Amino acid sequence: MNKVTLQGPVWLASDVHLGPATPATAEAFLGFLDAAADEAAALLLPGDIFDVWIGDDVIKIAPPWLAAALQGLQRTAARIPVWLGRGNRDFLMGADLANALGAHLLPEPALLETDFGRILLTHGDEYCTDDAAYQQFRTMVRNPQWQAQFLAKTIPERMAMAQQARGESQSANQMKSAEIMDVNAQAIEQAFREADIDILVHGHTHRPARHVLEVDGRRRERWVLPDWECDHATPPRGGWLVIDRDGITPYDLDIA
């Protein structure tokens, strides 16, 4: 398992879902990036920072909303290490994007060596194993051959395919139970065992919480990162985690 060694306060945020229809969320996220650059020793973004990512070549023709987000990430990466993780919406983020931003790509999953100890970090969608249809889709789009064929298409073709897939996903999710779209308990237990860790952090489910459980006689913790929504939610929501030598602390946008 790939390790990432980090010293000092580490900030983590995921599921911001930036897009052309989220200007308020983008404003909040850009403010968060500035705060991270001032106060964090490293920033980790484990997936779904963008609502859709159809390939790194879009940065060459970035619309204003995307250009502003990329500039904010680039400014932050010039001051502190920034690590980008791939989620279920932006799994096509690659080395070209990371290089353009001066950032790094997170391993999948990543074993963090922090001042507080070893922590497993991942987006989290791989643990939603009860959703068989989604797991089939995930396997397909993570296949290098599928990705090569998709990236060979024009940007308009890719965008149309992504919009169609998003619409189908939203329709399908309306028919699924909340339990199916959450993590599977056995998958979580297996993750703890395989990594031999006591703390797991992930996003994806939009159910921020700190879960304390026992696996094989050991006390474990599962922290779930919040999603961000400042444009269509009342009240607005969003937040992040800070890991330092004293432990893990959640922060909320309203409190900040």
C-alpha atoms as a PDB file:
ATOM      1  CA  MET A   1       0.000   0.000   0.000  1.00  0.00           C
ATOM      2  CA  ASN A   2       1.362   3.400  -1.010  1.00  0.00           C
ATOM      3  CA  LYS A   3       2.349   5.646   1.883  1.00  0.00           C
ATOM      4  CA  VAL A   4       2.247   9.434   2.070  1.00  0.00           C
ATOM      5  CA  THR A   5       4.325  10.922   4.890  1.00  0.00           C
ATOM      6  CA  LEU A   6       3.071  14.236   6.242  1.00  0.00           C
ATOM      7  CA  GLN A   7       4.335  16.454   9.043  1.00  0.00           C
ATOM      8  CA  GLY A   8       2.392  19.266  10.656  1.00  0.00           C
ATOM      9  CA  PRO A   9      -1.336  20.016  10.422  1.00  0.00           C
ATOM     10  CA  VAL A  10      -3.036  18.224   7.527  1.00  0.00           C
ATOM     11  CA  TRP A  11      -6.319  19.538   6.110  1.00  0.00           C
ATOM     12  CA  LEU A  12      -8.736  17.259   4.231  1.00  0.00           C
ATOM     13  CA  ALA A  13     -11.837  18.091   2.190  1.00  0.00           C
ATOM     14  CA  SER A  14     -13.823  16.242  -0.446  1.00  0.00           C
ATOM     15  CA  ASP A  15     -17.075  16.229  -2.410  1.00  0.00           C
ATOM     16  CA  VAL A  16     -17.071  19.943  -3.259  1.00  0.00           C
ATOM     17  CA  HIS A  17     -18.617  19.167  -6.677  1.00  0.00           C
ATOM     18  CA  LEU A  18     -17.470  22.341  -8.398  1.00  0.00           C
ATOM     19  CA  GLY A  19     -19.222  23.176 -11.652  1.00  0.00           C
ATOM     20  CA  PRO A  20     -20.721  26.062 -13.644  1.00  0.00           C
ATOM     21  CA  ALA A  21     -23.849  26.100 -11.447  1.00  0.00           C
ATOM     22  CA  THR A  22     -22.062  26.367  -8.071  1.00  0.00           C
ATOM     23  CA  PRO A  23     -20.651  29.912  -7.786  1.00  0.00           C
ATOM     24  CA  ALA A  24     -21.324  30.235  -4.041  1.00  0.00           C
ATOM     25  CA  THR A  25     -19.738  26.854  -3.340  1.00  0.00           C
ATOM     26  CA  ALA A  26     -16.747  27.877  -5.446  1.00  0.00           C
ATOM     27  CA  GLU A  27     -16.383  31.130  -3.491  1.00  0.00           C
ATOM     28  CA  ALA A  28     -16.431  29.243  -0.201  1.00  0.00           C
ATOM     29  CA  PHE A  29     -13.925  26.698  -1.509  1.00  0.00           C
ATOM     30  CA  LEU A  30     -11.531  29.386  -2.735  1.00  0.00           C
ATOM     31  CA  GLY A  31     -11.649  30.979   0.714  1.00  0.00           C
ATOM     32  CA  PHE A  32     -10.946  27.570   2.211  1.00  0.00           C
ATOM     33  CA  LEU A  33      -7.922  27.160  -0.062  1.00  0.00           C
ATOM     34  CA  ASP A  34      -6.509  30.496   1.110  1.00  0.00           C
ATOM     35  CA  ALA A  35      -7.006  29.482   4.747  1.00  0.00           C
ATOM     36  CA  ALA A  36      -5.327  26.129   4.120  1.00  0.00           C
ATOM     37  CA  ALA A  37      -2.344  27.828   2.524  1.00  0.00           C
ATOM     38  CA  ASP A  38      -1.999  30.023   5.634  1.00  0.00           C
ATOM     39  CA  GLU A  39      -2.529  27.389   8.324  1.00  0.00           C
ATOM     40  CA  ALA A  40      -1.981  23.859   6.970  1.00  0.00           C
ATOM     41  CA  ALA A  41       1.235  21.999   6.278  1.00  0.00           C
ATOM     42  CA  ALA A  42      -0.494  19.990   3.550  1.00  0.00           C
ATOM     43  CA  LEU A  43      -3.908  19.823   1.859  1.00  0.00           C
ATOM     44  CA  LEU A  44      -5.479  16.536   0.768  1.00  0.00           C
ATOM     45  CA  LEU A  45      -8.554  16.457  -1.481  1.00  0.00           C
ATOM     46  CA  PRO A  46      -9.694  12.827  -1.806  1.00  0.00           C
ATOM     47  CA  GLY A  47     -12.128  13.040  -4.681  1.00  0.00           C
ATOM     48  CA  ASP A  48     -15.121  14.771  -6.263  1.00  0.00           C
ATOM     49  CA  ILE A  49     -13.634  18.233  -6.073  1.00  0.00           C
ATOM     50  CA  PHE A  50     -15.217  18.631  -9.511  1.00  0.00           C
ATOM     51  CA  ASP A  51     -18.749  17.546 -10.341  1.00  0.00           C
ATOM     52  CA  VAL A  52     -17.444  16.073 -13.573  1.00  0.00           C
ATOM     53  CA  TRP A  53     -13.978  15.720 -15.093  1.00  0.00           C
ATOM     54  CA  ILE A  54     -13.796  14.535 -18.694  1.00  0.00           C
ATOM     55  CA  GLY A  55     -10.023  14.685 -19.121  1.00  0.00           C
ATOM     56  CA  ASP A  56      -7.034  16.867 -18.297  1.00  0.00           C
ATOM     57  CA  ASP A  57      -7.110  18.546 -21.714  1.00  0.00           C
ATOM     58  CA  VAL A  58     -10.085  20.662 -20.588  1.00  0.00           C
ATOM     59  CA  ILE A  59      -7.643  22.909 -18.723  1.00  0.00           C
ATOM     60  CA  LYS A  60      -6.537  24.281 -22.110  1.00  0.00           C
ATOM     61  CA  ILE A  61     -10.034  25.646 -22.804  1.00  0.00           C
ATOM     62  CA  ALA A  62     -11.190  26.153 -19.204  1.00  0.00           C
ATOM     63  CA  PRO A  63     -14.355  28.265 -18.834  1.00  0.00           C
ATOM     64  CA  PRO A  64     -14.145  31.073 -16.249  1.00  0.00           C
ATOM     65  CA  TRP A  65     -15.501  29.022 -13.323  1.00  0.00           C
ATOM     66  CA  LEU A  66     -12.967  26.258 -13.930  1.00  0.00           C
ATOM     67  CA  ALA A  67     -10.088  28.651 -14.555  1.00  0.00           C
ATOM     68  CA  ALA A  68     -10.779  30.341 -11.195  1.00  0.00           C
ATOM     69  CA  ALA A  69     -10.802  26.981  -9.379  1.00  0.00           C
ATOM     70  CA  LEU A  70      -7.586  25.856 -11.044  1.00  0.00           C
ATOM     71  CA  GLN A  71      -5.878  29.150 -10.239  1.00  0.00           C
ATOM     72  CA  GLY A  72      -6.909  28.798  -6.595  1.00  0.00           C
ATOM     73  CA  LEU A  73      -5.519  25.276  -6.411  1.00  0.00           C
ATOM     74  CA  GLN A  74      -2.335  26.383  -8.144  1.00  0.00           C
ATOM     75  CA  ARG A  75      -1.840  29.272  -5.694  1.00  0.00           C
ATOM     76  CA  THR A  76      -2.254  26.914  -2.768  1.00  0.00           C
ATOM     77  CA  ALA A  77       0.053  24.288  -4.259  1.00  0.00           C
ATOM     78  CA  ALA A  78       2.747  26.945  -4.621  1.00  0.00           C
ATOM     79  CA  ARG A  79       2.725  27.389  -0.838  1.00  0.00           C
ATOM     80  CA  ILE A  80       1.967  23.927   0.603  1.00  0.00           C
ATOM     81  CA  PRO A  81       1.819  20.390  -0.797  1.00  0.00           C
ATOM     82  CA  VAL A  82      -1.571  19.682  -2.374  1.00  0.00           C
ATOM     83  CA  TRP A  83      -2.687  16.105  -3.034  1.00  0.00           C
ATOM     84  CA  LEU A  84      -5.552  15.302  -5.407  1.00  0.00           C
ATOM     85  CA  GLY A  85      -7.576  12.119  -5.050  1.00  0.00           C
ATOM     86  CA  ARG A  86      -9.917  10.734  -7.673  1.00  0.00           C
ATOM     87  CA  GLY A  87     -13.590  10.279  -6.823  1.00  0.00           C
ATOM     88  CA  ASN A  88     -16.551   8.828  -8.652  1.00  0.00           C
ATOM     89  CA  ARG A  89     -17.091  12.109 -10.550  1.00  0.00           C
ATOM     90  CA  ASP A  90     -13.499  13.123 -11.314  1.00  0.00           C
ATOM     91  CA  PHE A  91     -11.784   9.742 -11.690  1.00  0.00           C
ATOM     92  CA  LEU A  92     -10.156  10.938 -14.921  1.00  0.00           C
ATOM     93  CA  MET A  93      -7.975  13.518 -13.183  1.00  0.00           C
ATOM     94  CA  GLY A  94      -4.426  12.626 -14.117  1.00  0.00           C
ATOM     95  CA  ALA A  95      -0.781  13.557 -14.156  1.00  0.00           C
ATOM     96  CA  ASP A  96      -1.223  16.413 -16.649  1.00  0.00           C
ATOM     97  CA  LEU A  97      -3.613  18.207 -14.281  1.00  0.00           C
ATOM     98  CA  ALA A  98      -1.418  17.571 -11.246  1.00  0.00           C
ATOM     99  CA  ASN A  99       1.662  18.841 -13.068  1.00  0.00           C
ATOM    100  CA  ALA A 100      -0.135  21.963 -14.295  1.00  0.00           C
ATOM    101  CA  LEU A 101      -1.198  22.775 -10.737  1.00  0.00           C
ATOM    102  CA  GLY A 102       2.081  21.812  -9.079  1.00  0.00           C
ATOM    103  CA  ALA A 103       0.123  19.213  -7.103  1.00  0.00           C
ATOM    104  CA  HIS A 104       0.422  15.469  -6.469  1.00  0.00           C
ATOM    105  CA  LEU A 105      -1.967  12.592  -7.168  1.00  0.00           C
ATOM    106  CA  LEU A 106      -3.056  10.609  -4.133  1.00  0.00           C
ATOM    107  CA  PRO A 107      -2.526   6.844  -4.233  1.00  0.00           C
ATOM    108  CA  GLU A 108      -5.702   4.767  -4.126  1.00  0.00           C
ATOM    109  CA  PRO A 109      -6.000   4.136  -1.246  1.00  0.00           C
ATOM    110  CA  ALA A 110      -3.415   6.234   0.581  1.00  0.00           C
ATOM    111  CA  LEU A 111      -1.806   5.236   3.854  1.00  0.00           C
ATOM    112  CA  LEU A 112      -1.035   8.504   5.594  1.00  0.00           C
ATOM    113  CA  GLU A 113       1.824   8.744   8.083  1.00  0.00           C
ATOM    114  CA  THR A 114       0.785  11.766  10.146  1.00  0.00           C
ATOM    115  CA  ASP A 115       1.783  13.344  13.451  1.00  0.00           C
ATOM    116  CA  PHE A 116      -1.250  11.563  14.930  1.00  0.00           C
ATOM    117  CA  GLY A 117      -0.304   8.180  13.474  1.00  0.00           C
ATOM    118  CA  ARG A 118      -1.249   6.002  10.521  1.00  0.00           C
ATOM    119  CA  ILE A 119      -4.527   6.806   8.778  1.00  0.00           C
ATOM    120  CA  LEU A 120      -6.113   5.202   5.719  1.00  0.00           C
ATOM    121  CA  LEU A 121      -7.566   7.739   3.283  1.00  0.00           C
ATOM    122  CA  THR A 122      -9.759   6.992   0.279  1.00  0.00           C
ATOM    123  CA  HIS A 123     -12.698   8.491  -1.589  1.00  0.00           C
ATOM    124  CA  GLY A 124     -15.011   5.825  -0.200  1.00  0.00           C
ATOM    125  CA  ASP A 125     -17.135   4.708  -3.130  1.00  0.00           C
ATOM    126  CA  GLU A 126     -15.343   1.362  -3.248  1.00  0.00           C
ATOM    127  CA  TYR A 127     -16.946   0.495   0.098  1.00  0.00           C
ATOM    128  CA  CYS A 128     -20.514   0.887  -1.212  1.00  0.00           C
ATOM    129  CA  THR A 129     -20.559  -2.753  -2.274  1.00  0.00           C
ATOM    130  CA  ASP A 130     -24.310  -3.229  -1.755  1.00  0.00           C
ATOM    131  CA  ASP A 131     -24.855  -1.052  -4.851  1.00  0.00           C
ATOM    132  CA  ALA A 132     -23.999  -3.729  -7.406  1.00  0.00           C
ATOM    133  CA  ALA A 133     -24.951  -1.601 -10.421  1.00  0.00           C
ATOM    134  CA  TYR A 134     -22.646   1.217  -9.340  1.00  0.00           C
ATOM    135  CA  GLN A 135     -19.760  -1.160  -8.647  1.00  0.00           C
ATOM    136  CA  GLN A 136     -20.102  -2.547 -12.179  1.00  0.00           C
ATOM    137  CA  PHE A 137     -19.988   0.990 -13.549  1.00  0.00           C
ATOM    138  CA  ARG A 138     -16.989   1.811 -11.349  1.00  0.00           C
ATOM    139  CA  THR A 139     -15.077  -1.221 -12.607  1.00  0.00           C
ATOM    140  CA  MET A 140     -15.823  -0.261 -16.200  1.00  0.00           C
ATOM    141  CA  VAL A 141     -14.731   3.382 -16.003  1.00  0.00           C
ATOM    142  CA  ARG A 142     -11.591   2.558 -14.022  1.00  0.00           C
ATOM    143  CA  ASN A 143     -10.472   0.193 -16.772  1.00  0.00           C
ATOM    144  CA  PRO A 144      -7.481   1.722 -18.660  1.00  0.00           C
ATOM    145  CA  GLN A 145      -8.840   0.514 -22.010  1.00  0.00           C
ATOM    146  CA  TRP A 146     -12.226   2.167 -21.415  1.00  0.00           C
ATOM    147  CA  GLN A 147     -10.505   5.374 -20.327  1.00  0.00           C
ATOM    148  CA  ALA A 148      -8.276   5.424 -23.414  1.00  0.00           C
ATOM    149  CA  GLN A 149     -11.291   5.002 -25.691  1.00  0.00           C
ATOM    150  CA  PHE A 150     -13.227   7.712 -23.861  1.00  0.00           C
ATOM    151  CA  LEU A 151     -10.335  10.189 -23.896  1.00  0.00           C
ATOM    152  CA  ALA A 152      -9.870   9.621 -27.634  1.00  0.00           C
ATOM    153  CA  LYS A 153     -13.254  11.263 -28.252  1.00  0.00           C
ATOM    154  CA  THR A 154     -13.674  15.000 -28.710  1.00  0.00           C
ATOM    155  CA  ILE A 155     -14.399  17.228 -25.723  1.00  0.00           C
ATOM    156  CA  PRO A 156     -18.028  17.866 -26.829  1.00  0.00           C
ATOM    157  CA  GLU A 157     -18.568  14.120 -27.264  1.00  0.00           C
ATOM    158  CA  ARG A 158     -17.149  13.410 -23.832  1.00  0.00           C
ATOM    159  CA  MET A 159     -19.220  16.145 -22.236  1.00  0.00           C
ATOM    160  CA  ALA A 160     -22.406  14.807 -23.811  1.00  0.00           C
ATOM    161  CA  MET A 161     -21.603  11.291 -22.587  1.00  0.00           C
ATOM    162  CA  ALA A 162     -20.857  12.572 -19.089  1.00  0.00           C
ATOM    163  CA  GLN A 163     -24.124  14.538 -18.940  1.00  0.00           C
ATOM    164  CA  GLN A 164     -26.083  11.503 -20.108  1.00  0.00           C
ATOM    165  CA  ALA A 165     -24.407   9.264 -17.541  1.00  0.00           C
ATOM    166  CA  ARG A 166     -25.057  11.828 -14.803  1.00  0.00           C
ATOM    167  CA  GLY A 167     -28.752  11.994 -15.687  1.00  0.00           C
ATOM    168  CA  GLU A 168     -29.068   8.224 -15.688  1.00  0.00           C
ATOM    169  CA  SER A 169     -27.263   8.030 -12.347  1.00  0.00           C
ATOM    170  CA  GLN A 170     -29.578  10.579 -10.742  1.00  0.00           C
ATOM    171  CA  SER A 171     -32.640   8.707 -11.977  1.00  0.00           C
ATOM    172  CA  ALA A 172     -31.280   5.384 -10.744  1.00  0.00           C
ATOM    173  CA  ASN A 173     -30.355   6.784  -7.331  1.00  0.00           C
ATOM    174  CA  GLN A 174     -33.946   7.929  -6.762  1.00  0.00           C
ATOM    175  CA  MET A 175     -34.975   4.274  -6.883  1.00  0.00           C
ATOM    176  CA  LYS A 176     -32.274   3.068  -4.472  1.00  0.00           C
ATOM    177  CA  SER A 177     -32.557   2.867  -0.712  1.00  0.00           C
ATOM    178  CA  ALA A 178     -30.333   5.036   1.447  1.00  0.00           C
ATOM    179  CA  GLU A 179     -28.759   1.906   2.887  1.00  0.00           C
ATOM    180  CA  ILE A 180     -27.638   0.623  -0.518  1.00  0.00           C
ATOM    181  CA  MET A 181     -25.820   3.882  -1.251  1.00  0.00           C
ATOM    182  CA  ASP A 182     -23.967   3.862   2.075  1.00  0.00           C
ATOM    183  CA  VAL A 183     -20.846   1.870   2.873  1.00  0.00           C
ATOM    184  CA  ASN A 184     -21.048  -1.853   3.575  1.00  0.00           C
ATOM    185  CA  ALA A 185     -20.045  -2.823   7.121  1.00  0.00           C
ATOM    186  CA  GLN A 186     -18.090  -5.891   6.004  1.00  0.00           C
ATOM    187  CA  ALA A 187     -16.203  -3.863   3.395  1.00  0.00           C
ATOM    188  CA  ILE A 188     -15.197  -1.383   6.081  1.00  0.00           C
ATOM    189  CA  GLU A 189     -14.039  -4.128   8.426  1.00  0.00           C
ATOM    190  CA  GLN A 190     -11.992  -5.668   5.640  1.00  0.00           C
ATOM    191  CA  ALA A 191     -10.348  -2.308   4.916  1.00  0.00           C
ATOM    192  CA  PHE A 192      -9.275  -2.007   8.553  1.00  0.00           C
ATOM    193  CA  ARG A 193      -7.845  -5.526   8.501  1.00  0.00           C
ATOM    194  CA  GLU A 194      -5.994  -5.264   5.189  1.00  0.00           C
ATOM    195  CA  ALA A 195      -4.352  -1.936   6.058  1.00  0.00           C
ATOM    196  CA  ASP A 196      -3.845  -2.877   9.730  1.00  0.00           C
ATOM    197  CA  ILE A 197      -4.964   0.586  10.816  1.00  0.00           C
ATOM    198  CA  ASP A 198      -7.294   1.980  13.461  1.00  0.00           C
ATOM    199  CA  ILE A 199      -8.460   5.148  11.657  1.00  0.00           C
ATOM    200  CA  LEU A 200     -10.137   5.384   8.257  1.00  0.00           C
ATOM    201  CA  VAL A 201     -11.156   8.658   6.578  1.00  0.00           C
ATOM    202  CA  HIS A 202     -13.317   8.832   3.464  1.00  0.00           C
ATOM    203  CA  GLY A 203     -15.914  10.952   1.707  1.00  0.00           C
ATOM    204  CA  HIS A 204     -18.434  10.103  -1.030  1.00  0.00           C
ATOM    205  CA  THR A 205     -21.521   9.287   1.050  1.00  0.00           C
ATOM    206  CA  HIS A 206     -22.329  12.888   2.081  1.00  0.00           C
ATOM    207  CA  ARG A 207     -22.969  11.633   5.624  1.00  0.00           C
ATOM    208  CA  PRO A 208     -20.350  13.398   7.779  1.00  0.00           C
ATOM    209  CA  ALA A 209     -19.788  11.586  11.041  1.00  0.00           C
ATOM    210  CA  ARG A 210     -17.325   9.949  13.391  1.00  0.00           C
ATOM    211  CA  HIS A 211     -18.098   6.266  13.808  1.00  0.00           C
ATOM    212  CA  VAL A 212     -16.463   4.295  16.621  1.00  0.00           C
ATOM    213  CA  LEU A 213     -16.501   0.527  16.166  1.00  0.00           C
ATOM    214  CA  GLU A 214     -14.677  -2.594  17.216  1.00  0.00           C
ATOM    215  CA  VAL A 215     -13.008  -4.870  14.682  1.00  0.00           C
ATOM    216  CA  ASP A 216     -11.146  -7.977  15.836  1.00  0.00           C
ATOM    217  CA  GLY A 217     -11.092  -6.688  19.391  1.00  0.00           C
ATOM    218  CA  ARG A 218      -9.551  -3.342  18.449  1.00  0.00           C
ATOM    219  CA  ARG A 219     -11.219   0.065  18.757  1.00  0.00           C
ATOM    220  CA  ARG A 220     -11.418   1.719  15.365  1.00  0.00           C
ATOM    221  CA  GLU A 221     -12.676   5.044  14.050  1.00  0.00           C
ATOM    222  CA  ARG A 222     -14.252   5.847  10.681  1.00  0.00           C
ATOM    223  CA  TRP A 223     -14.458   9.536   9.846  1.00  0.00           C
ATOM    224  CA  VAL A 224     -16.694  10.637   6.956  1.00  0.00           C
ATOM    225  CA  LEU A 225     -15.954  13.949   5.243  1.00  0.00           C
ATOM    226  CA  PRO A 226     -18.889  16.270   4.455  1.00  0.00           C
ATOM    227  CA  ASP A 227     -19.991  17.344   1.019  1.00  0.00           C
ATOM    228  CA  TRP A 228     -20.177  21.031   0.060  1.00  0.00           C
ATOM    229  CA  GLU A 229     -23.358  22.745  -1.152  1.00  0.00           C
ATOM    230  CA  CYS A 230     -23.699  26.508  -0.796  1.00  0.00           C
ATOM    231  CA  ASP A 231     -25.891  27.208  -3.828  1.00  0.00           C
ATOM    232  CA  HIS A 232     -28.995  25.048  -3.524  1.00  0.00           C
ATOM    233  CA  ALA A 233     -29.038  23.905   0.108  1.00  0.00           C
ATOM    234  CA  THR A 234     -30.620  25.692   3.076  1.00  0.00           C
ATOM    235  CA  PRO A 235     -28.654  26.186   5.171  1.00  0.00           C
ATOM    236  CA  PRO A 236     -25.442  25.945   3.141  1.00  0.00           C
ATOM    237  CA  ARG A 237     -23.169  23.097   4.133  1.00  0.00           C
ATOM    238  CA  GLY A 238     -19.547  22.107   3.864  1.00  0.00           C
ATOM    239  CA  GLY A 239     -16.509  21.466   5.985  1.00  0.00           C
ATOM    240  CA  TRP A 240     -13.218  19.695   6.434  1.00  0.00           C
ATOM    241  CA  LEU A 241     -11.051  17.746   8.860  1.00  0.00           C
ATOM    242  CA  VAL A 242      -7.763  18.804  10.421  1.00  0.00           C
ATOM    243  CA  ILE A 243      -5.286  16.141  11.550  1.00  0.00           C
ATOM    244  CA  ASP A 244      -2.468  17.168  13.876  1.00  0.00           C
ATOM    245  CA  ARG A 245      -0.553  15.662  16.771  1.00  0.00           C
ATOM    246  CA  ASP A 246      -3.575  16.141  19.050  1.00  0.00           C
ATOM    247  CA  GLY A 247      -5.986  14.157  16.872  1.00  0.00           C
ATOM    248  CA  ILE A 248      -8.707  14.770  14.280  1.00  0.00           C
ATOM    249  CA  THR A 249     -10.925  17.850  14.452  1.00  0.00           C
ATOM    250  CA  PRO A 250     -13.938  18.560  12.189  1.00  0.00           C
ATOM    251  CA  TYR A 251     -14.600  22.114  11.034  1.00  0.00           C
ATOM    252  CA  ASP A 252     -17.814  23.454   9.570  1.00  0.00           C
ATOM    253  CA  LEU A 253     -18.112  26.307   7.086  1.00  0.00           C
ATOM    254  CA  ASP A 254     -20.630  28.101   9.306  1.00  0.00           C
ATOM    255  CA  ILE A 255     -18.371  27.872  12.336  1.00  0.00           C
ATOM    256  CA  ALA A 256     -15.384  29.051  10.312  1.00  0.00           C
END
